[in-house]
Amino acid sequence: MSRRTKICGSSRGEPLAWCSATSASPTGISGSRSCSGLSVDAGDPWEEAISRNDLACYLHETGDLEGAEREIERALAVAHSVPGLNNFALGVLHSTRADIRLLGERPEAALQDAEAAIGRLLESGDPNPYVFGVTVRAQVQARMALGQFDDARESGEGALAWLGDRVPRCAG
């Protein structure tokens, strides 16, 4: 059974592409590859970089670290070609690469990426609290894997203090 699903988004809040997906793989890799291909065809490098990030996340989650590394490197190359300030996209991409490197048991490289991501996100002004939070989580995990327990605690507590009331909460 096939259905249409939005599997890649636009920075403008509209779907970049609607892709067909089967019920066996509603947001599977063939759909993600189709969306990154559509992003390339659309000629918007920012959207291409973010679509490639989404594919890298999918590959990471399914345990394909080599594929995830290849895709995130492509995303970073494209993002660096975007003119002007591009801190949000680069922050997201470095955050994703930190998680990929953590899963690949490379905490030194993961820490470098997490710190690069945090720097980019903070340069943007008021960073997205979700992206900031998951990036600090990667930073804390990398520091713990490196035996930097006090630094890990300090990073986590500092981020929690900064996030404060910035994190959206559900009323209930």
N, C-alpha and C. Protein backbone atom coordinates (compact mmCIF):
# COMPACT_ATOMS: atom_id res chain seq x y z
N MET A 1 0.85 -1.17 0.00
CA MET A 1 0.00 0.00 0.00
C MET A 1 0.90 1.24 0.00
N SER A 2 0.57 2.21 -0.82
CA SER A 2 1.37 3.41 -0.94
C SER A 2 0.57 4.61 -0.44
N ARG A 3 1.26 5.56 0.17
CA ARG A 3 0.62 6.78 0.61
C ARG A 3 1.59 7.93 0.43
N ARG A 4 1.06 9.13 0.36
CA ARG A 4 1.91 10.31 0.26
C ARG A 4 2.19 10.83 1.65
N THR A 5 3.43 11.16 1.87
CA THR A 5 3.79 11.69 3.17
C THR A 5 4.85 12.76 3.01
N LYS A 6 4.79 13.76 3.84
CA LYS A 6 5.81 14.79 3.84
C LYS A 6 6.97 14.26 4.66
N ILE A 7 8.11 14.03 4.00
CA ILE A 7 9.25 13.51 4.74
C ILE A 7 10.42 14.47 4.73
N CYS A 8 10.27 15.59 4.10
CA CYS A 8 11.31 16.61 4.22
C CYS A 8 10.63 17.96 4.18
N GLY A 9 11.08 18.83 5.04
CA GLY A 9 10.40 20.10 5.20
C GLY A 9 11.14 21.25 4.57
N SER A 10 10.49 22.36 4.54
CA SER A 10 11.06 23.58 4.01
C SER A 10 11.31 24.55 5.15
N SER A 11 12.31 25.38 5.00
CA SER A 11 12.58 26.39 6.01
C SER A 11 11.46 27.42 6.06
N ARG A 12 10.62 27.41 5.07
CA ARG A 12 9.52 28.36 5.00
C ARG A 12 8.21 27.77 5.52
N GLY A 13 8.28 26.57 6.10
CA GLY A 13 7.10 25.96 6.69
C GLY A 13 6.22 25.23 5.70
N GLU A 14 6.65 25.12 4.46
CA GLU A 14 5.88 24.40 3.46
C GLU A 14 6.63 23.13 3.10
N PRO A 15 5.93 22.10 2.63
CA PRO A 15 6.67 20.90 2.24
C PRO A 15 7.53 21.19 1.03
N LEU A 16 8.78 20.76 1.07
CA LEU A 16 9.65 20.87 -0.09
C LEU A 16 9.22 19.85 -1.12
N ALA A 17 8.82 18.69 -0.63
CA ALA A 17 8.43 17.63 -1.54
C ALA A 17 7.49 16.67 -0.82
N TRP A 18 6.60 16.12 -1.58
CA TRP A 18 5.76 15.04 -1.09
C TRP A 18 6.28 13.79 -1.76
N CYS A 19 6.60 12.80 -0.99
CA CYS A 19 7.18 11.58 -1.53
C CYS A 19 6.26 10.41 -1.27
N SER A 20 6.30 9.48 -2.17
CA SER A 20 5.52 8.26 -1.97
C SER A 20 6.29 7.33 -1.07
N ALA A 21 5.59 6.69 -0.19
CA ALA A 21 6.21 5.73 0.72
C ALA A 21 5.28 4.55 0.86
N THR A 22 5.85 3.40 1.05
CA THR A 22 5.02 2.21 1.24
C THR A 22 4.73 2.04 2.71
N SER A 23 3.71 1.27 3.00
CA SER A 23 3.38 1.04 4.41
C SER A 23 4.49 0.25 5.10
N ALA A 24 5.29 -0.48 4.33
CA ALA A 24 6.39 -1.22 4.94
C ALA A 24 7.51 -0.27 5.39
N SER A 25 7.60 0.88 4.76
CA SER A 25 8.66 1.84 5.10
C SER A 25 8.12 3.25 4.91
N PRO A 26 7.29 3.73 5.84
CA PRO A 26 6.61 5.00 5.65
C PRO A 26 7.54 6.20 5.50
N THR A 27 8.67 6.18 6.12
CA THR A 27 9.62 7.28 5.94
C THR A 27 10.99 6.70 5.67
N GLY A 28 11.02 5.60 4.96
CA GLY A 28 12.26 4.88 4.75
C GLY A 28 13.25 5.57 3.86
N ILE A 29 14.35 4.87 3.65
CA ILE A 29 15.48 5.46 2.97
C ILE A 29 15.19 5.82 1.53
N SER A 30 14.38 5.04 0.82
CA SER A 30 14.10 5.39 -0.56
C SER A 30 13.36 6.72 -0.63
N GLY A 31 12.44 6.95 0.31
CA GLY A 31 11.75 8.23 0.34
C GLY A 31 12.69 9.37 0.71
N SER A 32 13.59 9.14 1.66
CA SER A 32 14.54 10.18 2.05
C SER A 32 15.48 10.50 0.92
N ARG A 33 15.94 9.49 0.20
CA ARG A 33 16.82 9.75 -0.94
C ARG A 33 16.07 10.50 -2.02
N SER A 34 14.79 10.19 -2.21
CA SER A 34 14.00 10.92 -3.19
C SER A 34 13.91 12.38 -2.82
N CYS A 35 13.71 12.66 -1.53
CA CYS A 35 13.60 14.05 -1.10
C CYS A 35 14.91 14.79 -1.24
N SER A 36 16.03 14.15 -0.91
CA SER A 36 17.28 14.87 -1.08
C SER A 36 17.53 15.10 -2.56
N GLY A 37 17.13 14.18 -3.41
CA GLY A 37 17.23 14.39 -4.85
C GLY A 37 16.36 15.54 -5.31
N LEU A 38 15.17 15.64 -4.77
CA LEU A 38 14.29 16.75 -5.12
C LEU A 38 14.85 18.08 -4.62
N SER A 39 15.51 18.06 -3.48
CA SER A 39 16.14 19.27 -2.97
C SER A 39 17.25 19.74 -3.89
N VAL A 40 18.02 18.80 -4.41
CA VAL A 40 19.08 19.13 -5.35
C VAL A 40 18.45 19.73 -6.61
N ASP A 41 17.41 19.08 -7.11
CA ASP A 41 16.73 19.56 -8.32
C ASP A 41 16.13 20.94 -8.13
N ALA A 42 15.69 21.26 -6.92
CA ALA A 42 15.07 22.56 -6.64
C ALA A 42 16.11 23.68 -6.67
N GLY A 43 17.38 23.33 -6.57
CA GLY A 43 18.44 24.34 -6.64
C GLY A 43 18.61 25.18 -5.40
N ASP A 44 18.14 24.71 -4.26
CA ASP A 44 18.26 25.45 -3.01
C ASP A 44 19.27 24.71 -2.13
N PRO A 45 20.53 25.20 -2.08
CA PRO A 45 21.54 24.46 -1.33
C PRO A 45 21.25 24.34 0.17
N TRP A 46 20.57 25.33 0.76
CA TRP A 46 20.24 25.24 2.18
C TRP A 46 19.30 24.06 2.40
N GLU A 47 18.28 23.95 1.56
CA GLU A 47 17.33 22.83 1.68
C GLU A 47 18.01 21.49 1.41
N GLU A 48 18.94 21.48 0.44
CA GLU A 48 19.67 20.25 0.16
C GLU A 48 20.48 19.81 1.38
N ALA A 49 21.17 20.76 2.02
CA ALA A 49 21.98 20.42 3.19
C ALA A 49 21.11 19.85 4.30
N ILE A 50 19.97 20.47 4.55
CA ILE A 50 19.08 19.98 5.62
C ILE A 50 18.47 18.63 5.25
N SER A 51 18.13 18.43 3.98
CA SER A 51 17.60 17.12 3.55
C SER A 51 18.66 16.04 3.70
N ARG A 52 19.90 16.37 3.36
CA ARG A 52 20.99 15.40 3.54
C ARG A 52 21.21 15.12 5.03
N ASN A 53 21.03 16.11 5.88
CA ASN A 53 21.09 15.90 7.32
C ASN A 53 20.01 14.90 7.75
N ASP A 54 18.80 15.08 7.23
CA ASP A 54 17.72 14.15 7.58
C ASP A 54 18.06 12.73 7.17
N LEU A 55 18.65 12.57 5.99
CA LEU A 55 19.05 11.24 5.53
C LEU A 55 20.17 10.69 6.42
N ALA A 56 21.13 11.53 6.79
CA ALA A 56 22.20 11.09 7.69
C ALA A 56 21.62 10.63 9.03
N CYS A 57 20.62 11.36 9.54
CA CYS A 57 19.96 10.96 10.80
C CYS A 57 19.31 9.59 10.66
N TYR A 58 18.62 9.38 9.54
CA TYR A 58 17.97 8.09 9.31
C TYR A 58 19.01 6.97 9.27
N LEU A 59 20.10 7.19 8.53
CA LEU A 59 21.14 6.17 8.42
C LEU A 59 21.79 5.91 9.78
N HIS A 60 21.99 6.96 10.55
CA HIS A 60 22.53 6.84 11.91
C HIS A 60 21.62 5.98 12.77
N GLU A 61 20.32 6.27 12.72
CA GLU A 61 19.34 5.54 13.54
C GLU A 61 19.24 4.07 13.14
N THR A 62 19.52 3.75 11.88
CA THR A 62 19.44 2.36 11.44
C THR A 62 20.79 1.64 11.56
N GLY A 63 21.80 2.35 12.10
CA GLY A 63 23.09 1.73 12.33
C GLY A 63 24.06 1.77 11.17
N ASP A 64 23.72 2.45 10.09
CA ASP A 64 24.62 2.57 8.93
C ASP A 64 25.52 3.78 9.13
N LEU A 65 26.55 3.61 9.96
CA LEU A 65 27.43 4.74 10.29
C LEU A 65 28.23 5.22 9.09
N GLU A 66 28.68 4.32 8.24
CA GLU A 66 29.43 4.75 7.06
C GLU A 66 28.55 5.59 6.14
N GLY A 67 27.33 5.14 5.92
CA GLY A 67 26.41 5.90 5.09
C GLY A 67 26.07 7.25 5.72
N ALA A 68 25.88 7.25 7.04
CA ALA A 68 25.58 8.50 7.74
C ALA A 68 26.74 9.47 7.63
N GLU A 69 27.96 8.97 7.79
CA GLU A 69 29.16 9.83 7.66
C GLU A 69 29.25 10.42 6.26
N ARG A 70 29.04 9.59 5.25
CA ARG A 70 29.10 10.09 3.86
C ARG A 70 28.07 11.20 3.64
N GLU A 71 26.86 10.96 4.11
CA GLU A 71 25.78 11.92 3.87
C GLU A 71 25.99 13.21 4.64
N ILE A 72 26.48 13.14 5.88
CA ILE A 72 26.68 14.37 6.65
C ILE A 72 27.85 15.17 6.08
N GLU A 73 28.85 14.49 5.53
CA GLU A 73 29.95 15.21 4.88
C GLU A 73 29.45 15.94 3.64
N ARG A 74 28.58 15.29 2.88
CA ARG A 74 27.98 15.96 1.71
C ARG A 74 27.16 17.17 2.16
N ALA A 75 26.41 16.99 3.23
CA ALA A 75 25.58 18.09 3.74
C ALA A 75 26.45 19.27 4.16
N LEU A 76 27.54 18.99 4.86
CA LEU A 76 28.43 20.07 5.29
C LEU A 76 29.07 20.78 4.10
N ALA A 77 29.47 20.03 3.08
CA ALA A 77 30.05 20.65 1.88
C ALA A 77 29.05 21.59 1.22
N VAL A 78 27.81 21.14 1.12
CA VAL A 78 26.77 21.97 0.51
C VAL A 78 26.49 23.19 1.39
N ALA A 79 26.39 23.00 2.70
CA ALA A 79 26.09 24.11 3.60
C ALA A 79 27.17 25.18 3.56
N HIS A 80 28.41 24.76 3.40
CA HIS A 80 29.50 25.74 3.32
C HIS A 80 29.44 26.55 2.03
N SER A 81 28.69 26.07 1.03
CA SER A 81 28.56 26.82 -0.23
C SER A 81 27.45 27.86 -0.18
N VAL A 82 26.64 27.84 0.87
CA VAL A 82 25.53 28.78 0.99
C VAL A 82 26.09 30.16 1.36
N PRO A 83 25.76 31.18 0.56
CA PRO A 83 26.29 32.51 0.88
C PRO A 83 25.62 33.11 2.12
N GLY A 84 26.36 33.98 2.79
CA GLY A 84 25.80 34.69 3.95
C GLY A 84 25.89 33.87 5.22
N LEU A 85 25.22 34.38 6.24
CA LEU A 85 25.21 33.70 7.52
C LEU A 85 24.45 32.38 7.40
N ASN A 86 25.05 31.35 7.87
CA ASN A 86 24.48 30.01 7.76
C ASN A 86 24.67 29.25 9.05
N ASN A 87 24.68 29.97 10.16
CA ASN A 87 25.01 29.36 11.44
C ASN A 87 24.02 28.29 11.87
N PHE A 88 22.73 28.49 11.62
CA PHE A 88 21.75 27.49 12.06
C PHE A 88 22.00 26.16 11.36
N ALA A 89 22.10 26.18 10.04
CA ALA A 89 22.31 24.92 9.30
C ALA A 89 23.61 24.26 9.72
N LEU A 90 24.69 25.03 9.82
CA LEU A 90 25.97 24.44 10.23
C LEU A 90 25.91 23.92 11.66
N GLY A 91 25.18 24.59 12.53
CA GLY A 91 25.00 24.10 13.89
C GLY A 91 24.28 22.76 13.90
N VAL A 92 23.21 22.66 13.13
CA VAL A 92 22.45 21.41 13.05
C VAL A 92 23.34 20.29 12.50
N LEU A 93 24.08 20.58 11.45
CA LEU A 93 24.91 19.55 10.80
C LEU A 93 26.03 19.08 11.72
N HIS A 94 26.68 20.00 12.41
CA HIS A 94 27.74 19.58 13.34
C HIS A 94 27.14 18.80 14.51
N SER A 95 25.95 19.15 14.94
CA SER A 95 25.28 18.42 16.01
C SER A 95 25.00 16.98 15.58
N THR A 96 24.50 16.82 14.37
CA THR A 96 24.24 15.48 13.84
C THR A 96 25.53 14.69 13.73
N ARG A 97 26.58 15.34 13.22
CA ARG A 97 27.85 14.62 13.08
C ARG A 97 28.40 14.23 14.45
N ALA A 98 28.17 15.04 15.48
CA ALA A 98 28.60 14.67 16.83
C ALA A 98 27.92 13.37 17.27
N ASP A 99 26.62 13.26 17.01
CA ASP A 99 25.91 12.03 17.38
C ASP A 99 26.41 10.83 16.60
N ILE A 100 26.69 11.02 15.31
CA ILE A 100 27.21 9.92 14.49
C ILE A 100 28.56 9.47 15.04
N ARG A 101 29.39 10.42 15.40
CA ARG A 101 30.72 10.08 15.92
C ARG A 101 30.65 9.45 17.31
N LEU A 102 29.68 9.85 18.11
CA LEU A 102 29.49 9.19 19.40
C LEU A 102 29.14 7.73 19.21
N LEU A 103 28.22 7.45 18.30
CA LEU A 103 27.83 6.07 18.05
C LEU A 103 29.01 5.27 17.49
N GLY A 104 29.88 5.94 16.76
CA GLY A 104 31.07 5.30 16.22
C GLY A 104 32.23 5.23 17.20
N GLU A 105 31.96 5.57 18.46
CA GLU A 105 32.94 5.51 19.54
C GLU A 105 34.17 6.37 19.25
N ARG A 106 33.91 7.61 18.79
CA ARG A 106 34.96 8.59 18.55
C ARG A 106 34.64 9.86 19.33
N PRO A 107 34.76 9.79 20.67
CA PRO A 107 34.32 10.90 21.51
C PRO A 107 35.11 12.20 21.31
N GLU A 108 36.41 12.11 20.97
CA GLU A 108 37.17 13.35 20.75
C GLU A 108 36.59 14.13 19.59
N ALA A 109 36.35 13.44 18.48
CA ALA A 109 35.78 14.09 17.29
C ALA A 109 34.35 14.55 17.58
N ALA A 110 33.61 13.76 18.34
CA ALA A 110 32.23 14.15 18.68
C ALA A 110 32.23 15.42 19.52
N LEU A 111 33.15 15.52 20.45
CA LEU A 111 33.23 16.72 21.28
C LEU A 111 33.57 17.95 20.44
N GLN A 112 34.49 17.80 19.51
CA GLN A 112 34.82 18.92 18.61
C GLN A 112 33.60 19.38 17.83
N ASP A 113 32.82 18.42 17.31
CA ASP A 113 31.63 18.78 16.56
C ASP A 113 30.57 19.42 17.45
N ALA A 114 30.38 18.86 18.64
CA ALA A 114 29.38 19.43 19.55
C ALA A 114 29.74 20.87 19.90
N GLU A 115 31.01 21.12 20.17
CA GLU A 115 31.43 22.48 20.52
C GLU A 115 31.32 23.42 19.32
N ALA A 116 31.63 22.91 18.12
CA ALA A 116 31.45 23.74 16.91
C ALA A 116 29.98 24.06 16.72
N ALA A 117 29.11 23.07 16.94
CA ALA A 117 27.67 23.29 16.78
C ALA A 117 27.16 24.33 17.79
N ILE A 118 27.57 24.19 19.04
CA ILE A 118 27.13 25.14 20.07
C ILE A 118 27.59 26.55 19.72
N GLY A 119 28.82 26.67 19.26
CA GLY A 119 29.32 27.98 18.85
C GLY A 119 28.50 28.58 17.74
N ARG A 120 28.19 27.79 16.72
CA ARG A 120 27.36 28.27 15.60
C ARG A 120 25.97 28.66 16.07
N LEU A 121 25.39 27.83 16.90
CA LEU A 121 24.03 28.10 17.38
C LEU A 121 23.98 29.38 18.21
N LEU A 122 24.97 29.58 19.06
CA LEU A 122 25.00 30.78 19.89
C LEU A 122 25.28 32.04 19.07
N GLU A 123 26.07 31.90 17.99
CA GLU A 123 26.33 33.03 17.10
C GLU A 123 25.05 33.53 16.44
N SER A 124 24.09 32.63 16.30
CA SER A 124 22.83 32.99 15.66
C SER A 124 21.96 33.87 16.54
N GLY A 125 22.35 34.08 17.76
CA GLY A 125 21.53 34.86 18.69
C GLY A 125 20.88 33.96 19.70
N ASP A 126 19.59 33.78 19.58
CA ASP A 126 18.82 32.96 20.51
C ASP A 126 18.57 31.60 19.84
N PRO A 127 19.41 30.60 20.14
CA PRO A 127 19.29 29.33 19.41
C PRO A 127 18.00 28.57 19.71
N ASN A 128 17.64 27.76 18.77
CA ASN A 128 16.51 26.86 18.93
C ASN A 128 16.78 25.99 20.15
N PRO A 129 15.89 26.00 21.15
CA PRO A 129 16.18 25.25 22.39
C PRO A 129 16.30 23.75 22.19
N TYR A 130 15.56 23.17 21.25
CA TYR A 130 15.66 21.73 21.02
C TYR A 130 17.03 21.39 20.45
N VAL A 131 17.44 22.09 19.40
CA VAL A 131 18.74 21.80 18.77
C VAL A 131 19.86 22.06 19.77
N PHE A 132 19.75 23.15 20.52
CA PHE A 132 20.75 23.46 21.54
C PHE A 132 20.81 22.34 22.59
N GLY A 133 19.66 21.90 23.05
CA GLY A 133 19.61 20.87 24.08
C GLY A 133 20.20 19.55 23.63
N VAL A 134 19.85 19.08 22.42
CA VAL A 134 20.41 17.80 21.96
C VAL A 134 21.90 17.92 21.69
N THR A 135 22.35 19.11 21.33
CA THR A 135 23.78 19.30 21.08
C THR A 135 24.55 19.28 22.40
N VAL A 136 24.02 19.92 23.42
CA VAL A 136 24.67 19.88 24.74
C VAL A 136 24.67 18.45 25.27
N ARG A 137 23.59 17.71 25.03
CA ARG A 137 23.57 16.30 25.44
C ARG A 137 24.72 15.54 24.79
N ALA A 138 24.98 15.79 23.49
CA ALA A 138 26.10 15.13 22.81
C ALA A 138 27.43 15.57 23.42
N GLN A 139 27.54 16.86 23.75
CA GLN A 139 28.75 17.38 24.37
C GLN A 139 29.00 16.69 25.72
N VAL A 140 27.96 16.56 26.51
CA VAL A 140 28.06 15.92 27.83
C VAL A 140 28.46 14.45 27.67
N GLN A 141 27.82 13.75 26.74
CA GLN A 141 28.16 12.33 26.53
C GLN A 141 29.61 12.17 26.08
N ALA A 142 30.07 13.05 25.20
CA ALA A 142 31.45 12.97 24.73
C ALA A 142 32.42 13.22 25.89
N ARG A 143 32.13 14.23 26.69
CA ARG A 143 33.00 14.53 27.83
C ARG A 143 33.03 13.35 28.82
N MET A 144 31.89 12.74 29.05
CA MET A 144 31.85 11.59 29.95
C MET A 144 32.66 10.42 29.39
N ALA A 145 32.55 10.19 28.07
CA ALA A 145 33.32 9.11 27.45
C ALA A 145 34.82 9.37 27.54
N LEU A 146 35.19 10.64 27.62
CA LEU A 146 36.61 11.01 27.73
C LEU A 146 37.07 11.11 29.18
N GLY A 147 36.18 10.81 30.12
CA GLY A 147 36.53 10.87 31.53
C GLY A 147 36.54 12.28 32.10
N GLN A 148 35.95 13.23 31.40
CA GLN A 148 35.90 14.63 31.85
C GLN A 148 34.59 14.87 32.61
N PHE A 149 34.43 14.20 33.72
CA PHE A 149 33.16 14.19 34.43
C PHE A 149 32.76 15.57 34.98
N ASP A 150 33.72 16.28 35.57
CA ASP A 150 33.39 17.62 36.10
C ASP A 150 33.00 18.57 34.97
N ASP A 151 33.73 18.52 33.87
CA ASP A 151 33.40 19.37 32.72
C ASP A 151 32.04 18.99 32.13
N ALA A 152 31.73 17.70 32.12
CA ALA A 152 30.43 17.25 31.61
C ALA A 152 29.30 17.82 32.47
N ARG A 153 29.47 17.71 33.78
CA ARG A 153 28.45 18.24 34.68
C ARG A 153 28.31 19.76 34.51
N GLU A 154 29.41 20.44 34.41
CA GLU A 154 29.38 21.89 34.24
C GLU A 154 28.69 22.29 32.93
N SER A 155 28.97 21.56 31.86
CA SER A 155 28.32 21.84 30.57
C SER A 155 26.81 21.64 30.67
N GLY A 156 26.42 20.52 31.25
CA GLY A 156 25.00 20.22 31.38
C GLY A 156 24.26 21.22 32.24
N GLU A 157 24.85 21.54 33.39
CA GLU A 157 24.20 22.50 34.29
C GLU A 157 24.15 23.89 33.68
N GLY A 158 25.21 24.28 32.97
CA GLY A 158 25.22 25.59 32.31
C GLY A 158 24.13 25.68 31.24
N ALA A 159 23.97 24.61 30.49
CA ALA A 159 22.94 24.60 29.45
C ALA A 159 21.55 24.65 30.06
N LEU A 160 21.33 23.90 31.14
CA LEU A 160 20.03 23.92 31.80
C LEU A 160 19.71 25.31 32.33
N ALA A 161 20.71 25.98 32.90
CA ALA A 161 20.50 27.34 33.40
C ALA A 161 20.17 28.29 32.25
N TRP A 162 20.88 28.14 31.13
CA TRP A 162 20.63 29.00 29.97
C TRP A 162 19.25 28.73 29.38
N LEU A 163 18.88 27.45 29.27
CA LEU A 163 17.59 27.10 28.67
C LEU A 163 16.43 27.64 29.50
N GLY A 164 16.53 27.50 30.83
CA GLY A 164 15.50 28.03 31.72
C GLY A 164 14.10 27.87 31.18
N ASP A 165 13.45 28.99 30.95
CA ASP A 165 12.07 28.97 30.45
C ASP A 165 11.98 28.99 28.93
N ARG A 166 13.09 28.82 28.24
CA ARG A 166 13.07 28.85 26.77
C ARG A 166 12.49 27.58 26.17
N VAL A 167 12.48 26.49 26.92
CA VAL A 167 11.99 25.22 26.40
C VAL A 167 10.46 25.22 26.39
N PRO A 168 9.86 25.00 25.23
CA PRO A 168 8.39 24.96 25.17
C PRO A 168 7.86 23.81 26.02
N ARG A 169 6.76 24.07 26.70
CA ARG A 169 6.14 23.03 27.53
C ARG A 169 4.67 22.93 27.15
N CYS A 170 4.14 21.76 27.33
CA CYS A 170 2.72 21.53 27.08
C CYS A 170 1.93 21.94 28.31
N ALA A 171 0.85 22.64 28.08
CA ALA A 171 -0.04 22.98 29.19
C ALA A 171 -0.91 21.76 29.49
N GLY A 172 -1.16 21.51 30.71
CA GLY A 172 -1.94 20.33 30.96
C GLY A 172 -2.52 20.20 32.27
